[in-house]
């Protein structure tokens, strides 16, 4: 459980630095939809994750930011 807490604190630190209004409470649950995960990656790397749908309506739209974040990170 300590490792999970450390990563949650780490993610929140970068979100706060990026002046995000969102906060990670439960890392595995909060990053499941991909939006918060993409926001954390943008905060840490300063790269924009492409094609984020801010209000996803389908499971595919929810997962799209995760895919974009992985592609964004793998290019660098």
PDB file of N, CA and C in Angstrom:
ATOM      1  N   UNK A   1       0.811  -1.207   0.000  1.00  0.00           N
ATOM      2  CA  UNK A   1       0.000   0.000   0.000  1.00  0.00           C
ATOM      3  C   UNK A   1       0.853   1.269   0.000  1.00  0.00           C
ATOM      4  N   UNK A   2       2.060   1.185   0.576  1.00  0.00           N
ATOM      5  CA  UNK A   2       2.932   2.350   0.631  1.00  0.00           C
ATOM      6  C   UNK A   2       3.311   2.816  -0.769  1.00  0.00           C
ATOM      7  N   UNK A   3       3.602   1.873  -1.672  1.00  0.00           N
ATOM      8  CA  UNK A   3       3.961   2.229  -3.041  1.00  0.00           C
ATOM      9  C   UNK A   3       2.848   2.962  -3.755  1.00  0.00           C
ATOM     10  N   UNK A   4       1.627   2.524  -3.534  1.00  0.00           N
ATOM     11  CA  UNK A   4       0.467   3.166  -4.154  1.00  0.00           C
ATOM     12  C   UNK A   4       0.331   4.604  -3.656  1.00  0.00           C
ATOM     13  N   UNK A   5       0.558   4.801  -2.367  1.00  0.00           N
ATOM     14  CA  UNK A   5       0.476   6.132  -1.766  1.00  0.00           C
ATOM     15  C   UNK A   5       1.561   7.047  -2.334  1.00  0.00           C
ATOM     16  N   UNK A   6       2.744   6.519  -2.510  1.00  0.00           N
ATOM     17  CA  UNK A   6       3.848   7.315  -3.050  1.00  0.00           C
ATOM     18  C   UNK A   6       3.530   7.793  -4.464  1.00  0.00           C
ATOM     19  N   UNK A   7       3.003   6.891  -5.300  1.00  0.00           N
ATOM     20  CA  UNK A   7       2.664   7.276  -6.672  1.00  0.00           C
ATOM     21  C   UNK A   7       1.487   8.240  -6.713  1.00  0.00           C
ATOM     22  N   UNK A   8       0.542   8.086  -5.807  1.00  0.00           N
ATOM     23  CA  UNK A   8      -0.589   9.017  -5.729  1.00  0.00           C
ATOM     24  C   UNK A   8      -0.080  10.410  -5.363  1.00  0.00           C
ATOM     25  N   UNK A   9       0.785  10.480  -4.363  1.00  0.00           N
ATOM     26  CA  UNK A   9       1.367  11.767  -3.963  1.00  0.00           C
ATOM     27  C   UNK A   9       2.186  12.373  -5.102  1.00  0.00           C
ATOM     28  N   UNK A  10       2.937  11.530  -5.808  1.00  0.00           N
ATOM     29  CA  UNK A  10       3.750  11.977  -6.929  1.00  0.00           C
ATOM     30  C   UNK A  10       2.866  12.584  -8.030  1.00  0.00           C
ATOM     31  N   UNK A  11       1.790  11.887  -8.373  1.00  0.00           N
ATOM     32  CA  UNK A  11       0.878  12.372  -9.411  1.00  0.00           C
ATOM     33  C   UNK A  11       0.228  13.685  -8.978  1.00  0.00           C
ATOM     34  N   UNK A  12      -0.211  13.759  -7.730  1.00  0.00           N
ATOM     35  CA  UNK A  12      -0.848  14.984  -7.235  1.00  0.00           C
ATOM     36  C   UNK A  12       0.125  16.158  -7.189  1.00  0.00           C
ATOM     37  N   UNK A  13       1.376  15.887  -6.901  1.00  0.00           N
ATOM     38  CA  UNK A  13       2.394  16.932  -6.902  1.00  0.00           C
ATOM     39  C   UNK A  13       2.489  17.574  -8.289  1.00  0.00           C
ATOM     40  N   UNK A  14       2.562  16.748  -9.324  1.00  0.00           N
ATOM     41  CA  UNK A  14       2.674  17.283 -10.687  1.00  0.00           C
ATOM     42  C   UNK A  14       1.377  17.927 -11.151  1.00  0.00           C
ATOM     43  N   UNK A  15       0.240  17.376 -10.755  1.00  0.00           N
ATOM     44  CA  UNK A  15      -1.036  18.000 -11.108  1.00  0.00           C
ATOM     45  C   UNK A  15      -1.142  19.385 -10.468  1.00  0.00           C
ATOM     46  N   UNK A  16      -0.718  19.500  -9.225  1.00  0.00           N
ATOM     47  CA  UNK A  16      -0.753  20.784  -8.532  1.00  0.00           C
ATOM     48  C   UNK A  16       0.187  21.787  -9.201  1.00  0.00           C
ATOM     49  N   UNK A  17       1.375  21.331  -9.577  1.00  0.00           N
ATOM     50  CA  UNK A  17       2.334  22.209 -10.271  1.00  0.00           C
ATOM     51  C   UNK A  17       1.782  22.714 -11.600  1.00  0.00           C
ATOM     52  N   UNK A  18       0.969  21.865 -12.257  1.00  0.00           N
ATOM     53  CA  UNK A  18       0.374  22.239 -13.541  1.00  0.00           C
ATOM     54  C   UNK A  18      -0.925  23.024 -13.359  1.00  0.00           C
ATOM     55  N   UNK A  19      -1.250  23.333 -12.105  1.00  0.00           N
ATOM     56  CA  UNK A  19      -2.461  24.085 -11.760  1.00  0.00           C
ATOM     57  C   UNK A  19      -3.739  23.373 -12.210  1.00  0.00           C
ATOM     58  N   UNK A  20      -3.720  22.060 -12.100  1.00  0.00           N
ATOM     59  CA  UNK A  20      -4.896  21.258 -12.434  1.00  0.00           C
ATOM     60  C   UNK A  20      -5.912  21.343 -11.302  1.00  0.00           C
ATOM     61  N   UNK A  21      -7.177  21.306 -11.662  1.00  0.00           N
ATOM     62  CA  UNK A  21      -8.240  21.292 -10.658  1.00  0.00           C
ATOM     63  C   UNK A  21      -8.525  19.880 -10.169  1.00  0.00           C
ATOM     64  N   UNK A  22      -7.999  18.894 -10.864  1.00  0.00           N
ATOM     65  CA  UNK A  22      -8.253  17.495 -10.521  1.00  0.00           C
ATOM     66  C   UNK A  22      -7.193  16.971  -9.565  1.00  0.00           C
ATOM     67  N   UNK A  23      -7.556  15.923  -8.831  1.00  0.00           N
ATOM     68  CA  UNK A  23      -6.653  15.326  -7.863  1.00  0.00           C
ATOM     69  C   UNK A  23      -6.870  13.819  -7.865  1.00  0.00           C
ATOM     70  N   UNK A  24      -5.794  13.070  -7.709  1.00  0.00           N
ATOM     71  CA  UNK A  24      -5.862  11.610  -7.638  1.00  0.00           C
ATOM     72  C   UNK A  24      -6.145  11.214  -6.185  1.00  0.00           C
ATOM     73  N   UNK A  25      -7.204  10.417  -6.004  1.00  0.00           N
ATOM     74  CA  UNK A  25      -7.522   9.888  -4.680  1.00  0.00           C
ATOM     75  C   UNK A  25      -7.131   8.416  -4.627  1.00  0.00           C
ATOM     76  N   UNK A  26      -7.608   7.659  -5.604  1.00  0.00           N
ATOM     77  CA  UNK A  26      -7.268   6.242  -5.737  1.00  0.00           C
ATOM     78  C   UNK A  26      -6.659   6.070  -7.124  1.00  0.00           C
ATOM     79  N   UNK A  27      -5.369   5.860  -7.172  1.00  0.00           N
ATOM     80  CA  UNK A  27      -4.633   5.856  -8.432  1.00  0.00           C
ATOM     81  C   UNK A  27      -5.218   4.905  -9.469  1.00  0.00           C
ATOM     82  N   UNK A  28      -5.497   3.665  -9.078  1.00  0.00           N
ATOM     83  CA  UNK A  28      -5.984   2.689 -10.056  1.00  0.00           C
ATOM     84  C   UNK A  28      -7.398   3.010 -10.530  1.00  0.00           C
ATOM     85  N   UNK A  29      -8.240   3.538  -9.673  1.00  0.00           N
ATOM     86  CA  UNK A  29      -9.617   3.855 -10.069  1.00  0.00           C
ATOM     87  C   UNK A  29      -9.684   5.167 -10.846  1.00  0.00           C
ATOM     88  N   UNK A  30      -8.949   6.168 -10.408  1.00  0.00           N
ATOM     89  CA  UNK A  30      -9.037   7.490 -11.027  1.00  0.00           C
ATOM     90  C   UNK A  30      -8.423   7.539 -12.421  1.00  0.00           C
ATOM     91  N   UNK A  31      -7.459   6.714 -12.690  1.00  0.00           N
ATOM     92  CA  UNK A  31      -6.818   6.721 -14.013  1.00  0.00           C
ATOM     93  C   UNK A  31      -7.465   5.738 -14.976  1.00  0.00           C
ATOM     94  N   UNK A  32      -8.512   5.072 -14.532  1.00  0.00           N
ATOM     95  CA  UNK A  32      -9.159   4.054 -15.360  1.00  0.00           C
ATOM     96  C   UNK A  32      -9.780   4.624 -16.631  1.00  0.00           C
ATOM     97  N   UNK A  33     -10.349   5.831 -16.560  1.00  0.00           N
ATOM     98  CA  UNK A  33     -11.003   6.389 -17.745  1.00  0.00           C
ATOM     99  C   UNK A  33     -10.030   7.043 -18.720  1.00  0.00           C
ATOM    100  N   UNK A  34      -8.800   7.239 -18.325  1.00  0.00           N
ATOM    101  CA  UNK A  34      -7.799   7.770 -19.237  1.00  0.00           C
ATOM    102  C   UNK A  34      -7.639   9.283 -19.183  1.00  0.00           C
ATOM    103  N   UNK A  35      -8.677  10.005 -18.770  1.00  0.00           N
ATOM    104  CA  UNK A  35      -8.594  11.463 -18.759  1.00  0.00           C
ATOM    105  C   UNK A  35      -7.602  11.967 -17.718  1.00  0.00           C
ATOM    106  N   UNK A  36      -7.712  11.464 -16.511  1.00  0.00           N
ATOM    107  CA  UNK A  36      -6.795  11.896 -15.463  1.00  0.00           C
ATOM    108  C   UNK A  36      -5.385  11.390 -15.742  1.00  0.00           C
ATOM    109  N   UNK A  37      -5.281  10.196 -16.284  1.00  0.00           N
ATOM    110  CA  UNK A  37      -3.969   9.658 -16.659  1.00  0.00           C
ATOM    111  C   UNK A  37      -3.300  10.572 -17.686  1.00  0.00           C
ATOM    112  N   UNK A  38      -4.055  10.989 -18.686  1.00  0.00           N
ATOM    113  CA  UNK A  38      -3.513  11.890 -19.702  1.00  0.00           C
ATOM    114  C   UNK A  38      -3.100  13.220 -19.075  1.00  0.00           C
ATOM    115  N   UNK A  39      -3.891  13.702 -18.138  1.00  0.00           N
ATOM    116  CA  UNK A  39      -3.561  14.963 -17.487  1.00  0.00           C
ATOM    117  C   UNK A  39      -2.277  14.844 -16.650  1.00  0.00           C
ATOM    118  N   UNK A  40      -2.108  13.717 -15.971  1.00  0.00           N
ATOM    119  CA  UNK A  40      -0.880  13.484 -15.206  1.00  0.00           C
ATOM    120  C   UNK A  40       0.320  13.434 -16.148  1.00  0.00           C
ATOM    121  N   UNK A  41       0.190  12.721 -17.252  1.00  0.00           N
ATOM    122  CA  UNK A  41       1.295  12.609 -18.210  1.00  0.00           C
ATOM    123  C   UNK A  41       1.640  13.975 -18.789  1.00  0.00           C
ATOM    124  N   UNK A  42       0.624  14.776 -19.101  1.00  0.00           N
ATOM    125  CA  UNK A  42       0.891  16.124 -19.599  1.00  0.00           C
ATOM    126  C   UNK A  42       1.607  16.964 -18.543  1.00  0.00           C
ATOM    127  N   UNK A  43       1.206  16.818 -17.286  1.00  0.00           N
ATOM    128  CA  UNK A  43       1.821  17.597 -16.203  1.00  0.00           C
ATOM    129  C   UNK A  43       3.282  17.203 -15.993  1.00  0.00           C
ATOM    130  N   UNK A  44       3.561  15.921 -16.103  1.00  0.00           N
ATOM    131  CA  UNK A  44       4.924  15.431 -15.855  1.00  0.00           C
ATOM    132  C   UNK A  44       5.848  15.723 -17.030  1.00  0.00           C
ATOM    133  N   UNK A  45       5.362  15.514 -18.248  1.00  0.00           N
ATOM    134  CA  UNK A  45       6.228  15.601 -19.428  1.00  0.00           C
ATOM    135  C   UNK A  45       6.171  16.925 -20.171  1.00  0.00           C
ATOM    136  N   UNK A  46       5.147  17.730 -19.937  1.00  0.00           N
ATOM    137  CA  UNK A  46       4.911  18.987 -20.660  1.00  0.00           C
ATOM    138  C   UNK A  46       4.539  18.763 -22.123  1.00  0.00           C
ATOM    139  N   UNK A  47       4.250  17.513 -22.508  1.00  0.00           N
ATOM    140  CA  UNK A  47       3.757  17.215 -23.851  1.00  0.00           C
ATOM    141  C   UNK A  47       2.238  17.136 -23.811  1.00  0.00           C
ATOM    142  N   UNK A  48       1.594  17.596 -24.873  1.00  0.00           N
ATOM    143  CA  UNK A  48       0.149  17.497 -24.979  1.00  0.00           C
ATOM    144  C   UNK A  48      -0.229  16.117 -25.500  1.00  0.00           C
ATOM    145  N   UNK A  49      -1.165  15.462 -24.815  1.00  0.00           N
ATOM    146  CA  UNK A  49      -1.695  14.185 -25.287  1.00  0.00           C
ATOM    147  C   UNK A  49      -2.749  14.513 -26.344  1.00  0.00           C
ATOM    148  N   UNK A  50      -2.607  13.976 -27.563  1.00  0.00           N
ATOM    149  CA  UNK A  50      -3.527  14.332 -28.649  1.00  0.00           C
ATOM    150  C   UNK A  50      -4.915  13.716 -28.495  1.00  0.00           C
ATOM    151  N   UNK A  51      -5.900  14.407 -29.058  1.00  0.00           N
ATOM    152  CA  UNK A  51      -7.260  13.895 -29.235  1.00  0.00           C
ATOM    153  C   UNK A  51      -7.951  13.497 -27.933  1.00  0.00           C
ATOM    154  N   UNK A  52      -7.890  14.345 -26.925  1.00  0.00           N
ATOM    155  CA  UNK A  52      -8.587  14.063 -25.672  1.00  0.00           C
ATOM    156  C   UNK A  52     -10.035  14.537 -25.783  1.00  0.00           C
ATOM    157  N   UNK A  53     -10.959  13.664 -25.472  1.00  0.00           N
ATOM    158  CA  UNK A  53     -12.374  14.006 -25.426  1.00  0.00           C
ATOM    159  C   UNK A  53     -12.687  14.280 -23.961  1.00  0.00           C
ATOM    160  N   UNK A  54     -12.999  15.517 -23.623  1.00  0.00           N
ATOM    161  CA  UNK A  54     -13.151  15.933 -22.225  1.00  0.00           C
ATOM    162  C   UNK A  54     -14.358  15.295 -21.536  1.00  0.00           C
ATOM    163  N   UNK A  55     -15.411  14.990 -22.281  1.00  0.00           N
ATOM    164  CA  UNK A  55     -16.599  14.363 -21.692  1.00  0.00           C
ATOM    165  C   UNK A  55     -16.943  13.101 -22.495  1.00  0.00           C
ATOM    166  N   UNK A  56     -16.196  12.030 -22.293  1.00  0.00           N
ATOM    167  CA  UNK A  56     -16.427  10.808 -23.071  1.00  0.00           C
ATOM    168  C   UNK A  56     -17.781  10.179 -22.743  1.00  0.00           C
ATOM    169  N   UNK A  57     -18.406   9.625 -23.765  1.00  0.00           N
ATOM    170  CA  UNK A  57     -19.710   8.991 -23.592  1.00  0.00           C
ATOM    171  C   UNK A  57     -19.646   7.476 -23.760  1.00  0.00           C
ATOM    172  N   UNK A  58     -18.612   6.979 -24.405  1.00  0.00           N
ATOM    173  CA  UNK A  58     -18.486   5.542 -24.625  1.00  0.00           C
ATOM    174  C   UNK A  58     -17.175   5.042 -24.022  1.00  0.00           C
ATOM    175  N   UNK A  59     -17.080   3.730 -23.853  1.00  0.00           N
ATOM    176  CA  UNK A  59     -15.858   3.112 -23.322  1.00  0.00           C
ATOM    177  C   UNK A  59     -14.670   3.398 -24.236  1.00  0.00           C
ATOM    178  N   UNK A  60     -14.905   3.369 -25.534  1.00  0.00           N
ATOM    179  CA  UNK A  60     -13.833   3.633 -26.494  1.00  0.00           C
ATOM    180  C   UNK A  60     -13.305   5.059 -26.338  1.00  0.00           C
ATOM    181  N   UNK A  61     -14.197   6.024 -26.138  1.00  0.00           N
ATOM    182  CA  UNK A  61     -13.774   7.406 -25.936  1.00  0.00           C
ATOM    183  C   UNK A  61     -13.013   7.563 -24.618  1.00  0.00           C
ATOM    184  N   UNK A  62     -13.394   6.766 -23.611  1.00  0.00           N
ATOM    185  CA  UNK A  62     -12.703   6.833 -22.322  1.00  0.00           C
ATOM    186  C   UNK A  62     -11.277   6.304 -22.423  1.00  0.00           C
ATOM    187  N   UNK A  63     -11.065   5.300 -23.263  1.00  0.00           N
ATOM    188  CA  UNK A  63      -9.750   4.693 -23.399  1.00  0.00           C
ATOM    189  C   UNK A  63      -8.846   5.445 -24.366  1.00  0.00           C
ATOM    190  N   UNK A  64      -9.421   6.279 -25.219  1.00  0.00           N
ATOM    191  CA  UNK A  64      -8.636   7.004 -26.219  1.00  0.00           C
ATOM    192  C   UNK A  64      -7.515   7.839 -25.607  1.00  0.00           C
ATOM    193  N   UNK A  65      -7.738   8.564 -24.502  1.00  0.00           N
ATOM    194  CA  UNK A  65      -6.621   9.325 -23.929  1.00  0.00           C
ATOM    195  C   UNK A  65      -5.477   8.428 -23.459  1.00  0.00           C
ATOM    196  N   UNK A  66      -5.792   7.249 -22.970  1.00  0.00           N
ATOM    197  CA  UNK A  66      -4.744   6.320 -22.529  1.00  0.00           C
ATOM    198  C   UNK A  66      -3.874   5.913 -23.711  1.00  0.00           C
ATOM    199  N   UNK A  67      -4.518   5.612 -24.822  1.00  0.00           N
ATOM    200  CA  UNK A  67      -3.776   5.234 -26.030  1.00  0.00           C
ATOM    201  C   UNK A  67      -2.929   6.398 -26.514  1.00  0.00           C
ATOM    202  N   UNK A  68      -3.514   7.591 -26.540  1.00  0.00           N
ATOM    203  CA  UNK A  68      -2.773   8.771 -26.971  1.00  0.00           C
ATOM    204  C   UNK A  68      -1.605   9.081 -26.055  1.00  0.00           C
ATOM    205  N   UNK A  69      -1.797   8.839 -24.755  1.00  0.00           N
ATOM    206  CA  UNK A  69      -0.721   9.093 -23.793  1.00  0.00           C
ATOM    207  C   UNK A  69       0.430   8.110 -24.006  1.00  0.00           C
ATOM    208  N   UNK A  70       0.116   6.868 -24.274  1.00  0.00           N
ATOM    209  CA  UNK A  70       1.148   5.868 -24.508  1.00  0.00           C
ATOM    210  C   UNK A  70       1.902   6.184 -25.791  1.00  0.00           C
ATOM    211  N   UNK A  71       1.179   6.564 -26.832  1.00  0.00           N
ATOM    212  CA  UNK A  71       1.828   6.924 -28.101  1.00  0.00           C
ATOM    213  C   UNK A  71       2.692   8.156 -27.941  1.00  0.00           C
ATOM    214  N   UNK A  72       2.202   9.131 -27.191  1.00  0.00           N
ATOM    215  CA  UNK A  72       2.951  10.371 -26.949  1.00  0.00           C
ATOM    216  C   UNK A  72       4.253  10.085 -26.227  1.00  0.00           C
ATOM    217  N   UNK A  73       4.192   9.224 -25.229  1.00  0.00           N
ATOM    218  CA  UNK A  73       5.381   8.918 -24.432  1.00  0.00           C
ATOM    219  C   UNK A  73       6.363   8.034 -25.175  1.00  0.00           C
ATOM    220  N   UNK A  74       5.868   7.172 -26.033  1.00  0.00           N
ATOM    221  CA  UNK A  74       6.755   6.242 -26.716  1.00  0.00           C
ATOM    222  C   UNK A  74       7.522   6.915 -27.859  1.00  0.00           C
ATOM    223  N   UNK A  75       7.057   8.071 -28.315  1.00  0.00           N
ATOM    224  CA  UNK A  75       7.716   8.780 -29.414  1.00  0.00           C
ATOM    225  C   UNK A  75       8.971   9.463 -28.910  1.00  0.00           C
ATOM    226  N   UNK A  76       8.974   9.915 -27.667  1.00  0.00           N
ATOM    227  CA  UNK A  76      10.104  10.688 -27.144  1.00  0.00           C
ATOM    228  C   UNK A  76      11.269   9.820 -26.757  1.00  0.00           C
TER     229      UNK A  76
END
